[in-house]
Every structure is written in structure tokens, then in C-alpha cells.
Amino acid sequence: MDQMPEMVSVETMRKSDAWTIEHLVSSKELMYRAGSAIYQAAEWKTPIAVICGKGNNAGDGYVVADLMQKDGLDCTLILLSDQFSEDGRYYYEQCIRDGVKTEVFSEAVDLHQYGSILDCLLGTGFHGEVTGTMKTAIEQINASGAYVVSADMNSGLNGDTGLGSTFVRSDLTVSIGTFKYGHFTGLADEAMKEKVNCDIGIQIRNDELC
């Protein structure tokens, strides 16, 4: 029987991330490492849509979009929010300076034109029900026919339980730091065709690791 990979709770990952930022690596550097890992993990088909919500999960997407732009890939940022984390704003502004195409998500946005979609809508800490524009975006991603990559956790899934009523169905999910329980529990197998973990230097800070 294959050995289960290491995994932790969302709360342990949050605390470990904070400790790493305080003692070892700046938050901007960790975000850059996360975005770089996601970019390198997938085999992208152009044109590419990077669909972002808010917060640091979106920030990872801005890093990816900027790297794609610099490598000459046809990429568009599609935004569901005008709110940014501090580091997310830094990399979003870098995208704008480097000429990344951007548009605001609406029901009129046609996702069928994209070969790949990067899901950066919701982070691992999401819980509850997806509603409104976020639900519409997830449904349109799933109906797009594109090669779908989810950053860290499929948007709409709970990072601990792997449960959700509306969630992104990915071809590849790129976990950051260490797998979370939700990568293997609940509806994870239904949501994720393939998953990989990328170690970006986050130090796990308790004995929960299993």
C-alpha cells in the first residue's frame, strides 16, 4: 500500500506560515515562491486566464500572471474583487506595470476561449457556502472545457474536510507548503484529477504533521 503523504490542518499551516515569515523568509518572497511553484508545476495551454478573488491566494495568481507575461505567454487576469492583501497588491501592480491584460469578471465573460484556467479565487481557509458572483465564476470554470489548475486548494472546498457544495474541478491542484487534510478527504478525489505539493520553505511548527 502506498504511504500517505504528510498533511496538516489549515490552522497549522497558517501558524507555520506566520512563523516562517517572522523568522526566516519575507511574506513577499514566500508569495513569489508560491507563484513560481504553481507556474512551473503545470503544462499550460494558451491562451490562459488567471481568475483571482482577493487575499493571498489571488496574490499567488498575480505572480503567475506576471511570470507568464515575462515569458511571452498569452495571459489575462480576470478579477472578482478590487480588494488586495498588502503583498497581493504589490504583485498586482507589478502585473500592471508589465502590461498583463486584465478584466473584471461578469457573466458575460467567455471562459470557453481559454486553453488553461488558473483558479485563485478562494484559499485553503474557506468554509461555508459559495454564493453570488463567486458561485457563477466556479460554475463557468467547470463548464469551460479548459485545462484547470487550482492554486493550493480547489476553490469552494474546505481545506480541512474536503467538502463543499460548489467547487472547482481541476485537472491539477498545486498544494503549497504541505498537503492539507482537505486534499485527501471528503470530495477531494472528485474535485482533483491530479495533485502535487510544492515545498517553498515553510517550516511546520508543531507535532501535528502526519
C-alpha atoms as a PDB file:
ATOM      1  CA  MET A   1       0.000   0.000   0.000  1.00  0.00           C
ATOM      2  CA  ASP A   2       1.298   3.455  -0.890  1.00  0.00           C
ATOM      3  CA  GLN A   3       2.247   5.562   2.102  1.00  0.00           C
ATOM      4  CA  MET A   4       0.029   8.586   2.693  1.00  0.00           C
ATOM      5  CA  PRO A   5       1.885  11.864   2.190  1.00  0.00           C
ATOM      6  CA  GLU A   6       2.448  14.311   5.013  1.00  0.00           C
ATOM      7  CA  MET A   7      -0.500  16.611   5.659  1.00  0.00           C
ATOM      8  CA  VAL A   8      -1.602  19.170   8.239  1.00  0.00           C
ATOM      9  CA  SER A   9      -4.656  21.215   9.195  1.00  0.00           C
ATOM     10  CA  VAL A  10      -5.296  24.625   7.706  1.00  0.00           C
ATOM     11  CA  GLU A  11      -4.679  26.206  11.125  1.00  0.00           C
ATOM     12  CA  THR A  12      -1.293  24.529  11.490  1.00  0.00           C
ATOM     13  CA  MET A  13      -0.312  25.717   8.034  1.00  0.00           C
ATOM     14  CA  ARG A  14      -1.457  29.254   8.876  1.00  0.00           C
ATOM     15  CA  LYS A  15       0.619  29.311  12.066  1.00  0.00           C
ATOM     16  CA  SER A  16       3.618  27.762  10.299  1.00  0.00           C
ATOM     17  CA  ASP A  17       3.404  30.311   7.509  1.00  0.00           C
ATOM     18  CA  ALA A  18       3.311  33.144  10.057  1.00  0.00           C
ATOM     19  CA  TRP A  19       6.297  31.730  11.967  1.00  0.00           C
ATOM     20  CA  THR A  20       8.310  31.333   8.772  1.00  0.00           C
ATOM     21  CA  ILE A  21       7.585  34.930   7.771  1.00  0.00           C
ATOM     22  CA  GLU A  22       8.560  36.214  11.217  1.00  0.00           C
ATOM     23  CA  HIS A  23      11.811  34.272  11.470  1.00  0.00           C
ATOM     24  CA  LEU A  24      13.034  33.126   8.064  1.00  0.00           C
ATOM     25  CA  VAL A  25      11.535  34.498   4.852  1.00  0.00           C
ATOM     26  CA  SER A  26       9.638  37.676   3.978  1.00  0.00           C
ATOM     27  CA  SER A  27       5.969  37.350   3.069  1.00  0.00           C
ATOM     28  CA  LYS A  28       6.600  38.790  -0.399  1.00  0.00           C
ATOM     29  CA  GLU A  29       9.325  36.219  -1.038  1.00  0.00           C
ATOM     30  CA  LEU A  30       7.061  33.376   0.079  1.00  0.00           C
ATOM     31  CA  MET A  31       4.310  34.620  -2.243  1.00  0.00           C
ATOM     32  CA  TYR A  32       6.785  34.788  -5.106  1.00  0.00           C
ATOM     33  CA  ARG A  33       7.955  31.237  -4.346  1.00  0.00           C
ATOM     34  CA  ALA A  34       4.353  30.011  -4.270  1.00  0.00           C
ATOM     35  CA  GLY A  35       3.504  31.620  -7.597  1.00  0.00           C
ATOM     36  CA  SER A  36       6.692  30.325  -9.182  1.00  0.00           C
ATOM     37  CA  ALA A  37       5.956  26.805  -7.959  1.00  0.00           C
ATOM     38  CA  ILE A  38       2.439  26.890  -9.386  1.00  0.00           C
ATOM     39  CA  TYR A  39       3.701  28.227 -12.701  1.00  0.00           C
ATOM     40  CA  GLN A  40       6.363  25.535 -13.002  1.00  0.00           C
ATOM     41  CA  ALA A  41       4.086  22.663 -11.933  1.00  0.00           C
ATOM     42  CA  ALA A  42       1.644  22.827 -14.844  1.00  0.00           C
ATOM     43  CA  GLU A  43       1.799  22.311 -18.602  1.00  0.00           C
ATOM     44  CA  TRP A  44      -0.054  25.419 -19.713  1.00  0.00           C
ATOM     45  CA  LYS A  45      -2.160  25.647 -22.846  1.00  0.00           C
ATOM     46  CA  THR A  46      -2.590  29.157 -24.205  1.00  0.00           C
ATOM     47  CA  PRO A  47      -4.438  31.437 -24.037  1.00  0.00           C
ATOM     48  CA  ILE A  48      -4.547  31.402 -20.242  1.00  0.00           C
ATOM     49  CA  ALA A  49      -6.962  33.000 -17.768  1.00  0.00           C
ATOM     50  CA  VAL A  50      -5.816  33.610 -14.196  1.00  0.00           C
ATOM     51  CA  ILE A  51      -9.007  34.122 -12.193  1.00  0.00           C
ATOM     52  CA  CYS A  52      -8.467  35.842  -8.851  1.00  0.00           C
ATOM     53  CA  GLY A  53     -10.560  36.623  -5.810  1.00  0.00           C
ATOM     54  CA  LYS A  54      -8.860  38.571  -3.032  1.00  0.00           C
ATOM     55  CA  GLY A  55      -6.168  37.974  -0.439  1.00  0.00           C
ATOM     56  CA  ASN A  56      -3.014  35.925  -0.719  1.00  0.00           C
ATOM     57  CA  ASN A  57      -4.478  33.177  -2.906  1.00  0.00           C
ATOM     58  CA  ALA A  58      -5.109  35.872  -5.501  1.00  0.00           C
ATOM     59  CA  GLY A  59      -1.599  37.176  -4.860  1.00  0.00           C
ATOM     60  CA  ASP A  60      -0.148  33.849  -5.953  1.00  0.00           C
ATOM     61  CA  GLY A  61      -2.104  34.268  -9.174  1.00  0.00           C
ATOM     62  CA  TYR A  62      -0.654  37.723  -9.811  1.00  0.00           C
ATOM     63  CA  VAL A  63       2.837  36.262  -9.510  1.00  0.00           C
ATOM     64  CA  VAL A  64       1.951  33.537 -12.007  1.00  0.00           C
ATOM     65  CA  ALA A  65       0.427  36.023 -14.455  1.00  0.00           C
ATOM     66  CA  ASP A  66       3.490  38.255 -14.316  1.00  0.00           C
ATOM     67  CA  LEU A  67       5.819  35.299 -14.927  1.00  0.00           C
ATOM     68  CA  MET A  68       3.684  34.245 -17.896  1.00  0.00           C
ATOM     69  CA  GLN A  69       3.785  37.771 -19.289  1.00  0.00           C
ATOM     70  CA  LYS A  70       7.575  37.876 -18.998  1.00  0.00           C
ATOM     71  CA  ASP A  71       7.817  34.519 -20.783  1.00  0.00           C
ATOM     72  CA  GLY A  72       5.597  35.726 -23.615  1.00  0.00           C
ATOM     73  CA  LEU A  73       2.543  33.577 -22.851  1.00  0.00           C
ATOM     74  CA  ASP A  74      -0.904  34.919 -23.747  1.00  0.00           C
ATOM     75  CA  CYS A  75      -2.395  35.533 -20.299  1.00  0.00           C
ATOM     76  CA  THR A  76      -5.323  37.541 -18.930  1.00  0.00           C
ATOM     77  CA  LEU A  77      -6.040  38.369 -15.289  1.00  0.00           C
ATOM     78  CA  ILE A  78      -9.753  38.142 -14.526  1.00  0.00           C
ATOM     79  CA  LEU A  79     -10.663  39.841 -11.256  1.00  0.00           C
ATOM     80  CA  LEU A  80     -13.631  39.193  -8.979  1.00  0.00           C
ATOM     81  CA  SER A  81     -12.587  41.749  -6.373  1.00  0.00           C
ATOM     82  CA  ASP A  82     -10.930  45.139  -6.087  1.00  0.00           C
ATOM     83  CA  GLN A  83      -9.609  44.231  -2.628  1.00  0.00           C
ATOM     84  CA  PHE A  84      -5.994  43.152  -2.177  1.00  0.00           C
ATOM     85  CA  SER A  85      -3.767  41.870   0.566  1.00  0.00           C
ATOM     86  CA  GLU A  86      -0.657  44.021   1.011  1.00  0.00           C
ATOM     87  CA  ASP A  87       1.571  41.558  -0.825  1.00  0.00           C
ATOM     88  CA  GLY A  88      -1.128  40.810  -3.377  1.00  0.00           C
ATOM     89  CA  ARG A  89      -1.346  44.497  -4.274  1.00  0.00           C
ATOM     90  CA  TYR A  90       2.429  44.605  -4.725  1.00  0.00           C
ATOM     91  CA  TYR A  91       2.370  41.825  -7.314  1.00  0.00           C
ATOM     92  CA  TYR A  92      -0.832  43.073  -8.955  1.00  0.00           C
ATOM     93  CA  GLU A  93       0.784  46.464  -9.514  1.00  0.00           C
ATOM     94  CA  GLN A  94       3.791  44.657 -10.962  1.00  0.00           C
ATOM     95  CA  CYS A  95       1.450  42.920 -13.419  1.00  0.00           C
ATOM     96  CA  ILE A  96       0.019  46.279 -14.470  1.00  0.00           C
ATOM     97  CA  ARG A  97       3.483  47.759 -14.962  1.00  0.00           C
ATOM     98  CA  ASP A  98       4.494  44.772 -17.086  1.00  0.00           C
ATOM     99  CA  GLY A  99       1.404  45.020 -19.297  1.00  0.00           C
ATOM    100  CA  VAL A 100      -0.623  41.980 -18.190  1.00  0.00           C
ATOM    101  CA  LYS A 101      -4.128  42.144 -19.655  1.00  0.00           C
ATOM    102  CA  THR A 102      -6.876  42.498 -17.042  1.00  0.00           C
ATOM    103  CA  GLU A 103     -10.645  42.428 -16.998  1.00  0.00           C
ATOM    104  CA  VAL A 104     -13.386  42.288 -14.384  1.00  0.00           C
ATOM    105  CA  PHE A 105     -15.386  39.070 -14.178  1.00  0.00           C
ATOM    106  CA  SER A 106     -19.038  39.130 -15.161  1.00  0.00           C
ATOM    107  CA  GLU A 107     -21.485  36.590 -16.531  1.00  0.00           C
ATOM    108  CA  ALA A 108     -20.630  37.932 -19.991  1.00  0.00           C
ATOM    109  CA  VAL A 109     -17.001  36.787 -19.730  1.00  0.00           C
ATOM    110  CA  ASP A 110     -16.461  33.840 -22.098  1.00  0.00           C
ATOM    111  CA  LEU A 111     -14.150  31.295 -20.478  1.00  0.00           C
ATOM    112  CA  HIS A 112     -14.522  28.838 -23.366  1.00  0.00           C
ATOM    113  CA  GLN A 113     -11.879  30.774 -25.304  1.00  0.00           C
ATOM    114  CA  TYR A 114      -9.111  29.793 -22.885  1.00  0.00           C
ATOM    115  CA  GLY A 115      -6.874  26.754 -23.136  1.00  0.00           C
ATOM    116  CA  SER A 116      -5.975  26.900 -19.447  1.00  0.00           C
ATOM    117  CA  ILE A 117      -7.530  28.490 -16.370  1.00  0.00           C
ATOM    118  CA  LEU A 118      -5.738  29.080 -13.073  1.00  0.00           C
ATOM    119  CA  ASP A 119      -8.149  29.096 -10.131  1.00  0.00           C
ATOM    120  CA  CYS A 120      -7.028  31.618  -7.489  1.00  0.00           C
ATOM    121  CA  LEU A 121     -10.473  32.501  -6.174  1.00  0.00           C
ATOM    122  CA  LEU A 122     -10.524  31.148  -2.613  1.00  0.00           C
ATOM    123  CA  GLY A 123      -7.757  29.967  -0.304  1.00  0.00           C
ATOM    124  CA  THR A 124      -7.467  26.954   1.984  1.00  0.00           C
ATOM    125  CA  GLY A 125      -9.217  28.793   4.822  1.00  0.00           C
ATOM    126  CA  PHE A 126     -12.562  28.959   3.011  1.00  0.00           C
ATOM    127  CA  HIS A 127     -15.575  27.438   4.748  1.00  0.00           C
ATOM    128  CA  GLY A 128     -19.299  27.751   4.232  1.00  0.00           C
ATOM    129  CA  GLU A 129     -21.314  28.046   1.041  1.00  0.00           C
ATOM    130  CA  VAL A 130     -20.229  29.685  -2.211  1.00  0.00           C
ATOM    131  CA  THR A 131     -22.799  32.215  -3.426  1.00  0.00           C
ATOM    132  CA  GLY A 132     -23.301  35.057  -5.885  1.00  0.00           C
ATOM    133  CA  THR A 133     -20.619  36.007  -8.389  1.00  0.00           C
ATOM    134  CA  MET A 134     -18.128  33.553  -6.871  1.00  0.00           C
ATOM    135  CA  LYS A 135     -20.519  30.659  -7.473  1.00  0.00           C
ATOM    136  CA  THR A 136     -21.092  31.830 -11.051  1.00  0.00           C
ATOM    137  CA  ALA A 137     -17.343  32.013 -11.674  1.00  0.00           C
ATOM    138  CA  ILE A 138     -16.769  28.491 -10.352  1.00  0.00           C
ATOM    139  CA  GLU A 139     -19.607  27.105 -12.454  1.00  0.00           C
ATOM    140  CA  GLN A 140     -18.225  28.813 -15.553  1.00  0.00           C
ATOM    141  CA  ILE A 141     -14.721  27.467 -14.890  1.00  0.00           C
ATOM    142  CA  ASN A 142     -16.139  23.946 -14.665  1.00  0.00           C
ATOM    143  CA  ALA A 143     -18.109  24.393 -17.900  1.00  0.00           C
ATOM    144  CA  SER A 144     -15.214  25.955 -19.835  1.00  0.00           C
ATOM    145  CA  GLY A 145     -13.566  22.799 -21.147  1.00  0.00           C
ATOM    146  CA  ALA A 146     -10.171  24.319 -20.301  1.00  0.00           C
ATOM    147  CA  TYR A 147      -7.229  22.672 -18.566  1.00  0.00           C
ATOM    148  CA  VAL A 148      -7.864  23.829 -14.989  1.00  0.00           C
ATOM    149  CA  VAL A 149      -5.209  24.328 -12.320  1.00  0.00           C
ATOM    150  CA  SER A 150      -6.141  25.207  -8.730  1.00  0.00           C
ATOM    151  CA  ALA A 151      -3.719  27.142  -6.538  1.00  0.00           C
ATOM    152  CA  ASP A 152      -3.250  25.372  -3.186  1.00  0.00           C
ATOM    153  CA  MET A 153      -6.876  24.193  -2.809  1.00  0.00           C
ATOM    154  CA  ASN A 154      -9.789  23.961  -5.210  1.00  0.00           C
ATOM    155  CA  SER A 155     -11.966  26.998  -4.633  1.00  0.00           C
ATOM    156  CA  GLY A 156     -15.159  26.090  -2.774  1.00  0.00           C
ATOM    157  CA  LEU A 157     -13.654  23.125  -0.904  1.00  0.00           C
ATOM    158  CA  ASN A 158     -12.989  23.272   2.826  1.00  0.00           C
ATOM    159  CA  GLY A 159      -9.249  22.852   3.366  1.00  0.00           C
ATOM    160  CA  ASP A 160      -9.727  20.518   6.331  1.00  0.00           C
ATOM    161  CA  THR A 161     -12.768  18.438   5.329  1.00  0.00           C
ATOM    162  CA  GLY A 162     -12.549  18.475   1.532  1.00  0.00           C
ATOM    163  CA  LEU A 163     -16.268  19.242   1.424  1.00  0.00           C
ATOM    164  CA  GLY A 164     -18.214  21.874  -0.487  1.00  0.00           C
ATOM    165  CA  SER A 165     -21.445  22.272  -2.428  1.00  0.00           C
ATOM    166  CA  THR A 166     -19.961  24.247  -5.340  1.00  0.00           C
ATOM    167  CA  PHE A 167     -16.275  23.823  -6.094  1.00  0.00           C
ATOM    168  CA  VAL A 168     -13.727  23.973  -8.885  1.00  0.00           C
ATOM    169  CA  ARG A 169     -12.969  20.665 -10.562  1.00  0.00           C
ATOM    170  CA  SER A 170      -9.309  20.757 -11.502  1.00  0.00           C
ATOM    171  CA  ASP A 171      -7.028  18.798 -13.755  1.00  0.00           C
ATOM    172  CA  LEU A 172      -4.193  19.704 -11.376  1.00  0.00           C
ATOM    173  CA  THR A 173      -4.144  21.092  -7.839  1.00  0.00           C
ATOM    174  CA  VAL A 174      -0.834  22.552  -6.682  1.00  0.00           C
ATOM    175  CA  SER A 175      -0.590  22.408  -2.884  1.00  0.00           C
ATOM    176  CA  ILE A 176       1.774  24.916  -1.310  1.00  0.00           C
ATOM    177  CA  GLY A 177       3.998  24.066   1.669  1.00  0.00           C
ATOM    178  CA  THR A 178       2.450  20.791   2.779  1.00  0.00           C
ATOM    179  CA  PHE A 179      -0.696  18.950   1.767  1.00  0.00           C
ATOM    180  CA  LYS A 180      -3.752  19.807   3.854  1.00  0.00           C
ATOM    181  CA  TYR A 181      -6.289  17.242   5.067  1.00  0.00           C
ATOM    182  CA  GLY A 182      -8.799  18.507   2.525  1.00  0.00           C
ATOM    183  CA  HIS A 183      -6.582  17.321  -0.319  1.00  0.00           C
ATOM    184  CA  PHE A 184      -7.481  13.731   0.634  1.00  0.00           C
ATOM    185  CA  THR A 185     -10.808  13.867   2.474  1.00  0.00           C
ATOM    186  CA  GLY A 186     -14.428  14.458   1.512  1.00  0.00           C
ATOM    187  CA  LEU A 187     -14.845  15.234  -2.185  1.00  0.00           C
ATOM    188  CA  ALA A 188     -11.135  15.640  -2.930  1.00  0.00           C
ATOM    189  CA  ASP A 189     -10.936  12.697  -5.321  1.00  0.00           C
ATOM    190  CA  GLU A 190     -13.925  14.010  -7.237  1.00  0.00           C
ATOM    191  CA  ALA A 191     -12.531  17.547  -7.371  1.00  0.00           C
ATOM    192  CA  MET A 192      -8.886  16.828  -8.245  1.00  0.00           C
ATOM    193  CA  LYS A 193      -7.708  14.659 -11.128  1.00  0.00           C
ATOM    194  CA  GLU A 194      -4.105  15.138 -10.034  1.00  0.00           C
ATOM    195  CA  LYS A 195      -2.405  16.882  -7.117  1.00  0.00           C
ATOM    196  CA  VAL A 196       1.178  17.790  -6.300  1.00  0.00           C
ATOM    197  CA  ASN A 197       2.766  19.533  -3.348  1.00  0.00           C
ATOM    198  CA  CYS A 198       5.471  22.171  -3.652  1.00  0.00           C
ATOM    199  CA  ASP A 199       7.778  22.855  -0.714  1.00  0.00           C
ATOM    200  CA  ILE A 200       8.541  26.598  -0.665  1.00  0.00           C
ATOM    201  CA  GLY A 201      10.373  26.675   2.662  1.00  0.00           C
ATOM    202  CA  ILE A 202       7.513  26.958   5.155  1.00  0.00           C
ATOM    203  CA  GLN A 203       8.595  25.365   8.431  1.00  0.00           C
ATOM    204  CA  ILE A 204       5.900  23.275  10.119  1.00  0.00           C
ATOM    205  CA  ARG A 205       5.903  24.326  13.775  1.00  0.00           C
ATOM    206  CA  ASN A 206       4.163  21.581  15.769  1.00  0.00           C
ATOM    207  CA  ASP A 207       3.862  17.816  16.011  1.00  0.00           C
ATOM    208  CA  GLU A 208       0.577  17.563  14.103  1.00  0.00           C
ATOM    209  CA  LEU A 209       2.360  16.502  10.915  1.00  0.00           C
ATOM    210  CA  CYS A 210       1.225  13.027   9.986  1.00  0.00           C
END
